């Protein structure tokens, strides 16, 4: 991790959390809570990519509870499996319905 970049995000995180605005920040890209960022910016959730990072079960059960927004490429099989498993947006549990599933933007 770049110390300079990380320090900038640390400063922004501290400032943003001191404000009373009703905004939820979501970590993505180099800001995801993994590697040197695993324990940083604890109040913010993150996107994750199933194939590159963790399975849905691993994201929830192995110390990565902030991976809340699935950000997968288009795959009918992936979406079908998630729907059949009642995973997050397809869940009947109200606490999961606030988090979206999203497709990667077209390249």
PDB file of N, CA and C in Angstrom:
ATOM      1  N   UNK A   1       0.826  -1.184   0.000  1.00  0.00           N
ATOM      2  CA  UNK A   1       0.000   0.000   0.000  1.00  0.00           C
ATOM      3  C   UNK A   1       0.873   1.252   0.000  1.00  0.00           C
ATOM      4  N   UNK A   2       0.433   2.237  -0.720  1.00  0.00           N
ATOM      5  CA  UNK A   2       1.125   3.522  -0.732  1.00  0.00           C
ATOM      6  C   UNK A   2       0.810   4.271   0.556  1.00  0.00           C
ATOM      7  N   UNK A   3       1.837   4.612   1.314  1.00  0.00           N
ATOM      8  CA  UNK A   3       1.626   5.318   2.573  1.00  0.00           C
ATOM      9  C   UNK A   3       0.990   6.681   2.341  1.00  0.00           C
ATOM     10  N   UNK A   4       1.395   7.367   1.282  1.00  0.00           N
ATOM     11  CA  UNK A   4       0.844   8.688   0.994  1.00  0.00           C
ATOM     12  C   UNK A   4      -0.658   8.586   0.688  1.00  0.00           C
ATOM     13  N   UNK A   5      -1.030   7.633  -0.156  1.00  0.00           N
ATOM     14  CA  UNK A   5      -2.445   7.455  -0.508  1.00  0.00           C
ATOM     15  C   UNK A   5      -3.239   7.051   0.729  1.00  0.00           C
ATOM     16  N   UNK A   6      -2.705   6.118   1.496  1.00  0.00           N
ATOM     17  CA  UNK A   6      -3.385   5.660   2.697  1.00  0.00           C
ATOM     18  C   UNK A   6      -3.590   6.801   3.695  1.00  0.00           C
ATOM     19  N   UNK A   7      -2.603   7.665   3.840  1.00  0.00           N
ATOM     20  CA  UNK A   7      -2.741   8.811   4.737  1.00  0.00           C
ATOM     21  C   UNK A   7      -3.834   9.762   4.273  1.00  0.00           C
ATOM     22  N   UNK A   8      -3.948   9.955   2.957  1.00  0.00           N
ATOM     23  CA  UNK A   8      -5.015  10.805   2.430  1.00  0.00           C
ATOM     24  C   UNK A   8      -6.388  10.226   2.746  1.00  0.00           C
ATOM     25  N   UNK A   9      -6.532   8.915   2.568  1.00  0.00           N
ATOM     26  CA  UNK A   9      -7.813   8.271   2.884  1.00  0.00           C
ATOM     27  C   UNK A   9      -8.071   8.327   4.385  1.00  0.00           C
ATOM     28  N   UNK A  10      -7.042   8.123   5.205  1.00  0.00           N
ATOM     29  CA  UNK A  10      -7.205   8.245   6.662  1.00  0.00           C
ATOM     30  C   UNK A  10      -7.754   9.616   7.035  1.00  0.00           C
ATOM     31  N   UNK A  11      -7.189  10.663   6.452  1.00  0.00           N
ATOM     32  CA  UNK A  11      -7.642  12.031   6.738  1.00  0.00           C
ATOM     33  C   UNK A  11      -9.083  12.244   6.284  1.00  0.00           C
ATOM     34  N   UNK A  12      -9.408  11.767   5.089  1.00  0.00           N
ATOM     35  CA  UNK A  12     -10.769  11.903   4.577  1.00  0.00           C
ATOM     36  C   UNK A  12     -11.749  11.127   5.461  1.00  0.00           C
ATOM     37  N   UNK A  13     -11.372   9.917   5.842  1.00  0.00           N
ATOM     38  CA  UNK A  13     -12.212   9.074   6.699  1.00  0.00           C
ATOM     39  C   UNK A  13     -12.514   9.790   8.018  1.00  0.00           C
ATOM     40  N   UNK A  14     -11.479  10.327   8.640  1.00  0.00           N
ATOM     41  CA  UNK A  14     -11.664  11.031   9.918  1.00  0.00           C
ATOM     42  C   UNK A  14     -12.581  12.235   9.746  1.00  0.00           C
ATOM     43  N   UNK A  15     -12.379  13.004   8.683  1.00  0.00           N
ATOM     44  CA  UNK A  15     -13.200  14.187   8.446  1.00  0.00           C
ATOM     45  C   UNK A  15     -14.647  13.794   8.127  1.00  0.00           C
ATOM     46  N   UNK A  16     -14.819  12.793   7.272  1.00  0.00           N
ATOM     47  CA  UNK A  16     -16.166  12.379   6.873  1.00  0.00           C
ATOM     48  C   UNK A  16     -16.955  11.839   8.052  1.00  0.00           C
ATOM     49  N   UNK A  17     -16.302  11.114   8.925  1.00  0.00           N
ATOM     50  CA  UNK A  17     -17.002  10.534  10.080  1.00  0.00           C
ATOM     51  C   UNK A  17     -17.321  11.565  11.157  1.00  0.00           C
ATOM     52  N   UNK A  18     -16.729  12.745  11.075  1.00  0.00           N
ATOM     53  CA  UNK A  18     -17.028  13.815  12.032  1.00  0.00           C
ATOM     54  C   UNK A  18     -18.198  14.685  11.585  1.00  0.00           C
ATOM     55  N   UNK A  19     -18.718  14.431  10.421  1.00  0.00           N
ATOM     56  CA  UNK A  19     -19.833  15.220   9.897  1.00  0.00           C
ATOM     57  C   UNK A  19     -21.138  14.489  10.155  1.00  0.00           C
ATOM     58  N   UNK A  20     -22.222  15.225  10.160  1.00  0.00           N
ATOM     59  CA  UNK A  20     -23.516  14.614  10.465  1.00  0.00           C
ATOM     60  C   UNK A  20     -24.335  14.289   9.214  1.00  0.00           C
ATOM     61  N   UNK A  21     -23.755  14.404   8.043  1.00  0.00           N
ATOM     62  CA  UNK A  21     -24.490  14.108   6.809  1.00  0.00           C
ATOM     63  C   UNK A  21     -24.873  12.632   6.763  1.00  0.00           C
ATOM     64  N   UNK A  22     -25.985  12.352   6.146  1.00  0.00           N
ATOM     65  CA  UNK A  22     -26.468  10.976   6.027  1.00  0.00           C
ATOM     66  C   UNK A  22     -25.954  10.385   4.715  1.00  0.00           C
ATOM     67  N   UNK A  23     -24.671  10.086   4.716  1.00  0.00           N
ATOM     68  CA  UNK A  23     -24.014   9.538   3.542  1.00  0.00           C
ATOM     69  C   UNK A  23     -23.299   8.265   3.965  1.00  0.00           C
ATOM     70  N   UNK A  24     -23.439   7.220   3.165  1.00  0.00           N
ATOM     71  CA  UNK A  24     -22.702   5.998   3.447  1.00  0.00           C
ATOM     72  C   UNK A  24     -21.616   5.855   2.396  1.00  0.00           C
ATOM     73  N   UNK A  25     -20.380   5.773   2.841  1.00  0.00           N
ATOM     74  CA  UNK A  25     -19.261   5.595   1.934  1.00  0.00           C
ATOM     75  C   UNK A  25     -19.020   4.110   1.722  1.00  0.00           C
ATOM     76  N   UNK A  26     -18.605   3.746   0.506  1.00  0.00           N
ATOM     77  CA  UNK A  26     -18.344   2.362   0.148  1.00  0.00           C
ATOM     78  C   UNK A  26     -16.935   2.274  -0.423  1.00  0.00           C
ATOM     79  N   UNK A  27     -16.130   1.398   0.136  1.00  0.00           N
ATOM     80  CA  UNK A  27     -14.764   1.210  -0.338  1.00  0.00           C
ATOM     81  C   UNK A  27     -14.755   0.330  -1.581  1.00  0.00           C
ATOM     82  N   UNK A  28     -13.854   0.637  -2.498  1.00  0.00           N
ATOM     83  CA  UNK A  28     -13.719  -0.124  -3.740  1.00  0.00           C
ATOM     84  C   UNK A  28     -12.271  -0.016  -4.192  1.00  0.00           C
ATOM     85  N   UNK A  29     -11.893  -0.850  -5.135  1.00  0.00           N
ATOM     86  CA  UNK A  29     -10.554  -0.771  -5.709  1.00  0.00           C
ATOM     87  C   UNK A  29      -9.483  -0.960  -4.653  1.00  0.00           C
ATOM     88  N   UNK A  30      -8.486  -0.096  -4.645  1.00  0.00           N
ATOM     89  CA  UNK A  30      -7.374  -0.208  -3.707  1.00  0.00           C
ATOM     90  C   UNK A  30      -7.784   0.072  -2.269  1.00  0.00           C
ATOM     91  N   UNK A  31      -8.990   0.549  -2.044  1.00  0.00           N
ATOM     92  CA  UNK A  31      -9.442   0.857  -0.699  1.00  0.00           C
ATOM     93  C   UNK A  31     -10.140  -0.288   0.003  1.00  0.00           C
ATOM     94  N   UNK A  32     -10.323  -1.408  -0.685  1.00  0.00           N
ATOM     95  CA  UNK A  32     -11.023  -2.530  -0.065  1.00  0.00           C
ATOM     96  C   UNK A  32     -10.293  -3.005   1.188  1.00  0.00           C
ATOM     97  N   UNK A  33     -11.020  -3.525   2.179  1.00  0.00           N
ATOM     98  CA  UNK A  33     -10.405  -3.962   3.434  1.00  0.00           C
ATOM     99  C   UNK A  33      -9.706  -5.313   3.302  1.00  0.00           C
ATOM    100  N   UNK A  34      -8.580  -5.300   2.626  1.00  0.00           N
ATOM    101  CA  UNK A  34      -7.763  -6.497   2.490  1.00  0.00           C
ATOM    102  C   UNK A  34      -6.302  -6.077   2.534  1.00  0.00           C
ATOM    103  N   UNK A  35      -5.437  -7.032   2.747  1.00  0.00           N
ATOM    104  CA  UNK A  35      -4.014  -6.709   2.815  1.00  0.00           C
ATOM    105  C   UNK A  35      -3.736  -5.672   3.885  1.00  0.00           C
ATOM    106  N   UNK A  36      -2.989  -4.628   3.525  1.00  0.00           N
ATOM    107  CA  UNK A  36      -2.625  -3.598   4.506  1.00  0.00           C
ATOM    108  C   UNK A  36      -3.818  -2.734   4.923  1.00  0.00           C
ATOM    109  N   UNK A  37      -4.947  -2.828   4.220  1.00  0.00           N
ATOM    110  CA  UNK A  37      -6.134  -2.045   4.575  1.00  0.00           C
ATOM    111  C   UNK A  37      -7.159  -2.854   5.371  1.00  0.00           C
ATOM    112  N   UNK A  38      -6.853  -4.097   5.691  1.00  0.00           N
ATOM    113  CA  UNK A  38      -7.844  -4.983   6.304  1.00  0.00           C
ATOM    114  C   UNK A  38      -8.508  -4.374   7.542  1.00  0.00           C
ATOM    115  N   UNK A  39      -7.765  -3.708   8.382  1.00  0.00           N
ATOM    116  CA  UNK A  39      -8.322  -3.170   9.625  1.00  0.00           C
ATOM    117  C   UNK A  39      -8.539  -1.665   9.601  1.00  0.00           C
ATOM    118  N   UNK A  40      -8.485  -1.072   8.431  1.00  0.00           N
ATOM    119  CA  UNK A  40      -8.653   0.379   8.318  1.00  0.00           C
ATOM    120  C   UNK A  40     -10.104   0.712   7.961  1.00  0.00           C
ATOM    121  N   UNK A  41     -10.509   1.910   8.324  1.00  0.00           N
ATOM    122  CA  UNK A  41     -11.797   2.478   7.898  1.00  0.00           C
ATOM    123  C   UNK A  41     -12.967   1.550   8.249  1.00  0.00           C
ATOM    124  N   UNK A  42     -12.998   1.153   9.508  1.00  0.00           N
ATOM    125  CA  UNK A  42     -13.899   0.110   9.993  1.00  0.00           C
ATOM    126  C   UNK A  42     -15.385   0.405   9.813  1.00  0.00           C
ATOM    127  N   UNK A  43     -15.769   1.649   9.775  1.00  0.00           N
ATOM    128  CA  UNK A  43     -17.205   1.957   9.679  1.00  0.00           C
ATOM    129  C   UNK A  43     -17.731   1.908   8.250  1.00  0.00           C
ATOM    130  N   UNK A  44     -16.850   1.720   7.276  1.00  0.00           N
ATOM    131  CA  UNK A  44     -17.283   1.723   5.880  1.00  0.00           C
ATOM    132  C   UNK A  44     -17.332   0.306   5.342  1.00  0.00           C
ATOM    133  N   UNK A  45     -18.393   0.025   4.588  1.00  0.00           N
ATOM    134  CA  UNK A  45     -18.507  -1.267   3.925  1.00  0.00           C
ATOM    135  C   UNK A  45     -17.715  -1.234   2.622  1.00  0.00           C
ATOM    136  N   UNK A  46     -17.655  -2.372   1.951  1.00  0.00           N
ATOM    137  CA  UNK A  46     -16.863  -2.468   0.736  1.00  0.00           C
ATOM    138  C   UNK A  46     -17.558  -3.351  -0.290  1.00  0.00           C
ATOM    139  N   UNK A  47     -17.228  -3.124  -1.543  1.00  0.00           N
ATOM    140  CA  UNK A  47     -17.615  -4.059  -2.596  1.00  0.00           C
ATOM    141  C   UNK A  47     -16.625  -5.219  -2.562  1.00  0.00           C
ATOM    142  N   UNK A  48     -16.988  -6.302  -3.189  1.00  0.00           N
ATOM    143  CA  UNK A  48     -16.068  -7.413  -3.365  1.00  0.00           C
ATOM    144  C   UNK A  48     -16.432  -8.170  -4.615  1.00  0.00           C
ATOM    145  N   UNK A  49     -15.473  -8.905  -5.127  1.00  0.00           N
ATOM    146  CA  UNK A  49     -15.632  -9.660  -6.372  1.00  0.00           C
ATOM    147  C   UNK A  49     -15.435 -11.124  -6.017  1.00  0.00           C
ATOM    148  N   UNK A  50     -16.463 -11.901  -6.207  1.00  0.00           N
ATOM    149  CA  UNK A  50     -16.462 -13.288  -5.760  1.00  0.00           C
ATOM    150  C   UNK A  50     -15.290 -14.085  -6.328  1.00  0.00           C
ATOM    151  N   UNK A  51     -15.033 -14.006  -7.602  1.00  0.00           N
ATOM    152  CA  UNK A  51     -14.001 -14.838  -8.209  1.00  0.00           C
ATOM    153  C   UNK A  51     -12.598 -14.433  -7.788  1.00  0.00           C
ATOM    154  N   UNK A  52     -12.360 -13.156  -7.554  1.00  0.00           N
ATOM    155  CA  UNK A  52     -11.017 -12.671  -7.242  1.00  0.00           C
ATOM    156  C   UNK A  52     -10.700 -12.673  -5.760  1.00  0.00           C
ATOM    157  N   UNK A  53     -11.699 -12.650  -4.916  1.00  0.00           N
ATOM    158  CA  UNK A  53     -11.435 -12.454  -3.500  1.00  0.00           C
ATOM    159  C   UNK A  53     -11.975 -13.573  -2.643  1.00  0.00           C
ATOM    160  N   UNK A  54     -13.250 -13.618  -2.436  1.00  0.00           N
ATOM    161  CA  UNK A  54     -13.836 -14.554  -1.496  1.00  0.00           C
ATOM    162  C   UNK A  54     -15.179 -15.048  -1.989  1.00  0.00           C
ATOM    163  N   UNK A  55     -15.503 -16.259  -1.587  1.00  0.00           N
ATOM    164  CA  UNK A  55     -16.851 -16.748  -1.847  1.00  0.00           C
ATOM    165  C   UNK A  55     -17.806 -15.993  -0.932  1.00  0.00           C
ATOM    166  N   UNK A  56     -19.094 -16.018  -1.209  1.00  0.00           N
ATOM    167  CA  UNK A  56     -20.047 -15.360  -0.306  1.00  0.00           C
ATOM    168  C   UNK A  56     -19.924 -15.844   1.134  1.00  0.00           C
ATOM    169  N   UNK A  57     -19.804 -17.152   1.337  1.00  0.00           N
ATOM    170  CA  UNK A  57     -19.678 -17.674   2.698  1.00  0.00           C
ATOM    171  C   UNK A  57     -18.408 -17.179   3.366  1.00  0.00           C
ATOM    172  N   UNK A  58     -17.303 -17.200   2.642  1.00  0.00           N
ATOM    173  CA  UNK A  58     -16.029 -16.758   3.223  1.00  0.00           C
ATOM    174  C   UNK A  58     -16.065 -15.277   3.567  1.00  0.00           C
ATOM    175  N   UNK A  59     -16.696 -14.491   2.732  1.00  0.00           N
ATOM    176  CA  UNK A  59     -16.777 -13.051   3.003  1.00  0.00           C
ATOM    177  C   UNK A  59     -17.507 -12.774   4.309  1.00  0.00           C
ATOM    178  N   UNK A  60     -18.498 -13.572   4.614  1.00  0.00           N
ATOM    179  CA  UNK A  60     -19.278 -13.360   5.825  1.00  0.00           C
ATOM    180  C   UNK A  60     -18.704 -14.057   7.051  1.00  0.00           C
ATOM    181  N   UNK A  61     -18.022 -15.164   6.857  1.00  0.00           N
ATOM    182  CA  UNK A  61     -17.654 -16.000   7.992  1.00  0.00           C
ATOM    183  C   UNK A  61     -16.179 -15.980   8.366  1.00  0.00           C
ATOM    184  N   UNK A  62     -15.328 -15.364   7.552  1.00  0.00           N
ATOM    185  CA  UNK A  62     -13.899 -15.461   7.834  1.00  0.00           C
ATOM    186  C   UNK A  62     -13.254 -14.099   8.040  1.00  0.00           C
ATOM    187  N   UNK A  63     -13.953 -13.204   8.689  1.00  0.00           N
ATOM    188  CA  UNK A  63     -13.337 -11.941   9.057  1.00  0.00           C
ATOM    189  C   UNK A  63     -13.489 -10.817   8.055  1.00  0.00           C
ATOM    190  N   UNK A  64     -14.342 -10.952   7.092  1.00  0.00           N
ATOM    191  CA  UNK A  64     -14.550  -9.899   6.108  1.00  0.00           C
ATOM    192  C   UNK A  64     -16.013  -9.480   6.066  1.00  0.00           C
ATOM    193  N   UNK A  65     -16.612  -9.147   7.199  1.00  0.00           N
ATOM    194  CA  UNK A  65     -18.038  -8.825   7.194  1.00  0.00           C
ATOM    195  C   UNK A  65     -18.362  -7.529   6.466  1.00  0.00           C
ATOM    196  N   UNK A  66     -17.349  -6.702   6.161  1.00  0.00           N
ATOM    197  CA  UNK A  66     -17.638  -5.437   5.483  1.00  0.00           C
ATOM    198  C   UNK A  66     -17.766  -5.604   3.977  1.00  0.00           C
ATOM    199  N   UNK A  67     -17.486  -6.791   3.443  1.00  0.00           N
ATOM    200  CA  UNK A  67     -17.712  -7.026   2.021  1.00  0.00           C
ATOM    201  C   UNK A  67     -19.202  -7.211   1.815  1.00  0.00           C
ATOM    202  N   UNK A  68     -19.909  -6.124   1.615  1.00  0.00           N
ATOM    203  CA  UNK A  68     -21.367  -6.154   1.620  1.00  0.00           C
ATOM    204  C   UNK A  68     -22.001  -6.017   0.247  1.00  0.00           C
ATOM    205  N   UNK A  69     -21.274  -5.505  -0.724  1.00  0.00           N
ATOM    206  CA  UNK A  69     -21.857  -5.279  -2.049  1.00  0.00           C
ATOM    207  C   UNK A  69     -21.109  -6.126  -3.060  1.00  0.00           C
ATOM    208  N   UNK A  70     -21.772  -7.140  -3.558  1.00  0.00           N
ATOM    209  CA  UNK A  70     -21.168  -7.999  -4.568  1.00  0.00           C
ATOM    210  C   UNK A  70     -21.022  -7.218  -5.865  1.00  0.00           C
ATOM    211  N   UNK A  71     -19.851  -7.243  -6.442  1.00  0.00           N
ATOM    212  CA  UNK A  71     -19.546  -6.484  -7.657  1.00  0.00           C
ATOM    213  C   UNK A  71     -18.943  -7.439  -8.676  1.00  0.00           C
ATOM    214  N   UNK A  72     -19.757  -8.371  -9.158  1.00  0.00           N
ATOM    215  CA  UNK A  72     -19.282  -9.406 -10.075  1.00  0.00           C
ATOM    216  C   UNK A  72     -19.468  -9.034 -11.539  1.00  0.00           C
ATOM    217  N   UNK A  73     -18.646  -9.640 -12.404  1.00  0.00           N
ATOM    218  CA  UNK A  73     -18.911  -9.509 -13.838  1.00  0.00           C
ATOM    219  C   UNK A  73     -20.198 -10.263 -14.180  1.00  0.00           C
ATOM    220  N   UNK A  74     -20.724 -10.038 -15.345  1.00  0.00           N
ATOM    221  CA  UNK A  74     -21.967 -10.671 -15.768  1.00  0.00           C
ATOM    222  C   UNK A  74     -21.748 -12.176 -15.913  1.00  0.00           C
ATOM    223  N   UNK A  75     -22.515 -12.937 -15.187  1.00  0.00           N
ATOM    224  CA  UNK A  75     -22.493 -14.393 -15.284  1.00  0.00           C
ATOM    225  C   UNK A  75     -23.857 -14.894 -14.838  1.00  0.00           C
ATOM    226  N   UNK A  76     -24.608 -15.397 -15.756  1.00  0.00           N
ATOM    227  CA  UNK A  76     -25.948 -15.891 -15.430  1.00  0.00           C
ATOM    228  C   UNK A  76     -25.869 -16.984 -14.371  1.00  0.00           C
ATOM    229  N   UNK A  77     -24.847 -17.824 -14.439  1.00  0.00           N
ATOM    230  CA  UNK A  77     -24.707 -18.897 -13.455  1.00  0.00           C
ATOM    231  C   UNK A  77     -24.516 -18.336 -12.043  1.00  0.00           C
ATOM    232  N   UNK A  78     -23.627 -17.346 -11.884  1.00  0.00           N
ATOM    233  CA  UNK A  78     -23.407 -16.742 -10.565  1.00  0.00           C
ATOM    234  C   UNK A  78     -24.693 -16.180  -9.999  1.00  0.00           C
ATOM    235  N   UNK A  79     -25.425 -15.421 -10.808  1.00  0.00           N
ATOM    236  CA  UNK A  79     -26.645 -14.781 -10.317  1.00  0.00           C
ATOM    237  C   UNK A  79     -27.717 -15.816  -9.993  1.00  0.00           C
ATOM    238  N   UNK A  80     -27.777 -16.886 -10.772  1.00  0.00           N
ATOM    239  CA  UNK A  80     -28.750 -17.950 -10.518  1.00  0.00           C
ATOM    240  C   UNK A  80     -28.450 -18.644  -9.190  1.00  0.00           C
ATOM    241  N   UNK A  81     -27.167 -18.931  -8.951  1.00  0.00           N
ATOM    242  CA  UNK A  81     -26.773 -19.575  -7.692  1.00  0.00           C
ATOM    243  C   UNK A  81     -27.117 -18.675  -6.510  1.00  0.00           C
ATOM    244  N   UNK A  82     -26.802 -17.389  -6.610  1.00  0.00           N
ATOM    245  CA  UNK A  82     -27.094 -16.464  -5.516  1.00  0.00           C
ATOM    246  C   UNK A  82     -28.595 -16.357  -5.254  1.00  0.00           C
ATOM    247  N   UNK A  83     -29.388 -16.319  -6.315  1.00  0.00           N
ATOM    248  CA  UNK A  83     -30.844 -16.229  -6.153  1.00  0.00           C
ATOM    249  C   UNK A  83     -31.382 -17.490  -5.482  1.00  0.00           C
ATOM    250  N   UNK A  84     -30.941 -18.653  -5.933  1.00  0.00           N
ATOM    251  CA  UNK A  84     -31.421 -19.908  -5.344  1.00  0.00           C
ATOM    252  C   UNK A  84     -30.999 -20.063  -3.890  1.00  0.00           C
ATOM    253  N   UNK A  85     -29.877 -19.459  -3.528  1.00  0.00           N
ATOM    254  CA  UNK A  85     -29.395 -19.535  -2.147  1.00  0.00           C
ATOM    255  C   UNK A  85     -29.983 -18.434  -1.271  1.00  0.00           C
ATOM    256  N   UNK A  86     -30.871 -17.603  -1.836  1.00  0.00           N
ATOM    257  CA  UNK A  86     -31.447 -16.463  -1.106  1.00  0.00           C
ATOM    258  C   UNK A  86     -30.366 -15.567  -0.530  1.00  0.00           C
ATOM    259  N   UNK A  87     -29.359 -15.314  -1.336  1.00  0.00           N
ATOM    260  CA  UNK A  87     -28.207 -14.556  -0.880  1.00  0.00           C
ATOM    261  C   UNK A  87     -28.454 -13.058  -0.981  1.00  0.00           C
ATOM    262  N   UNK A  88     -28.172 -12.335   0.077  1.00  0.00           N
ATOM    263  CA  UNK A  88     -28.285 -10.887   0.190  1.00  0.00           C
ATOM    264  C   UNK A  88     -29.519 -10.331  -0.491  1.00  0.00           C
ATOM    265  N   UNK A  89     -29.408  -9.677  -1.623  1.00  0.00           N
ATOM    266  CA  UNK A  89     -30.542  -8.972  -2.208  1.00  0.00           C
ATOM    267  C   UNK A  89     -31.700  -9.917  -2.475  1.00  0.00           C
ATOM    268  N   UNK A  90     -31.417 -11.193  -2.628  1.00  0.00           N
ATOM    269  CA  UNK A  90     -32.481 -12.169  -2.856  1.00  0.00           C
ATOM    270  C   UNK A  90     -32.969 -12.770  -1.539  1.00  0.00           C
ATOM    271  N   UNK A  91     -32.424 -12.321  -0.447  1.00  0.00           N
ATOM    272  CA  UNK A  91     -32.740 -12.860   0.865  1.00  0.00           C
ATOM    273  C   UNK A  91     -34.099 -12.373   1.343  1.00  0.00           C
ATOM    274  N   UNK A  92     -34.641 -13.074   2.316  1.00  0.00           N
ATOM    275  CA  UNK A  92     -35.852 -12.618   2.978  1.00  0.00           C
ATOM    276  C   UNK A  92     -35.506 -11.926   4.287  1.00  0.00           C
ATOM    277  N   UNK A  93     -34.197 -11.831   4.609  1.00  0.00           N
ATOM    278  CA  UNK A  93     -33.765 -11.174   5.846  1.00  0.00           C
ATOM    279  C   UNK A  93     -33.650  -9.669   5.606  1.00  0.00           C
ATOM    280  N   UNK A  94     -34.411  -8.856   6.339  1.00  0.00           N
ATOM    281  CA  UNK A  94     -34.446  -7.407   6.106  1.00  0.00           C
ATOM    282  C   UNK A  94     -33.089  -6.724   6.200  1.00  0.00           C
ATOM    283  N   UNK A  95     -32.206  -7.205   7.071  1.00  0.00           N
ATOM    284  CA  UNK A  95     -30.908  -6.545   7.221  1.00  0.00           C
ATOM    285  C   UNK A  95     -30.031  -6.692   5.973  1.00  0.00           C
ATOM    286  N   UNK A  96     -30.347  -7.662   5.117  1.00  0.00           N
ATOM    287  CA  UNK A  96     -29.559  -7.843   3.894  1.00  0.00           C
ATOM    288  C   UNK A  96     -30.131  -7.061   2.709  1.00  0.00           C
ATOM    289  N   UNK A  97     -31.377  -6.675   2.785  1.00  0.00           N
ATOM    290  CA  UNK A  97     -32.017  -6.058   1.626  1.00  0.00           C
ATOM    291  C   UNK A  97     -31.475  -4.673   1.305  1.00  0.00           C
ATOM    292  N   UNK A  98     -30.776  -4.044   2.236  1.00  0.00           N
ATOM    293  CA  UNK A  98     -30.241  -2.715   1.973  1.00  0.00           C
ATOM    294  C   UNK A  98     -29.012  -2.739   1.061  1.00  0.00           C
ATOM    295  N   UNK A  99     -28.377  -3.885   0.919  1.00  0.00           N
ATOM    296  CA  UNK A  99     -27.142  -3.952   0.131  1.00  0.00           C
ATOM    297  C   UNK A  99     -27.418  -4.491  -1.268  1.00  0.00           C
ATOM    298  N   UNK A 100     -26.940  -3.804  -2.282  1.00  0.00           N
ATOM    299  CA  UNK A 100     -27.228  -4.221  -3.648  1.00  0.00           C
ATOM    300  C   UNK A 100     -26.254  -5.275  -4.161  1.00  0.00           C
ATOM    301  N   UNK A 101     -26.690  -5.943  -5.180  1.00  0.00           N
ATOM    302  CA  UNK A 101     -25.805  -6.728  -6.031  1.00  0.00           C
ATOM    303  C   UNK A 101     -25.634  -5.881  -7.285  1.00  0.00           C
ATOM    304  N   UNK A 102     -24.445  -5.779  -7.794  1.00  0.00           N
ATOM    305  CA  UNK A 102     -24.253  -4.964  -8.983  1.00  0.00           C
ATOM    306  C   UNK A 102     -23.358  -5.676  -9.973  1.00  0.00           C
ATOM    307  N   UNK A 103     -23.584  -5.383 -11.235  1.00  0.00           N
ATOM    308  CA  UNK A 103     -22.735  -5.901 -12.298  1.00  0.00           C
ATOM    309  C   UNK A 103     -21.610  -4.907 -12.562  1.00  0.00           C
ATOM    310  N   UNK A 104     -20.477  -5.434 -12.982  1.00  0.00           N
ATOM    311  CA  UNK A 104     -19.422  -4.528 -13.426  1.00  0.00           C
ATOM    312  C   UNK A 104     -19.955  -3.643 -14.539  1.00  0.00           C
ATOM    313  N   UNK A 105     -19.481  -2.425 -14.571  1.00  0.00           N
ATOM    314  CA  UNK A 105     -19.859  -1.539 -15.657  1.00  0.00           C
ATOM    315  C   UNK A 105     -19.244  -2.058 -16.964  1.00  0.00           C
ATOM    316  N   UNK A 106     -19.872  -1.816 -18.089  1.00  0.00           N
ATOM    317  CA  UNK A 106     -19.308  -2.298 -19.364  1.00  0.00           C
ATOM    318  C   UNK A 106     -17.930  -1.675 -19.621  1.00  0.00           C
ATOM    319  N   UNK A 107     -17.043  -2.481 -20.161  1.00  0.00           N
ATOM    320  CA  UNK A 107     -15.698  -1.973 -20.485  1.00  0.00           C
ATOM    321  C   UNK A 107     -15.694  -1.258 -21.817  1.00  0.00           C
TER     322      UNK A 107
END
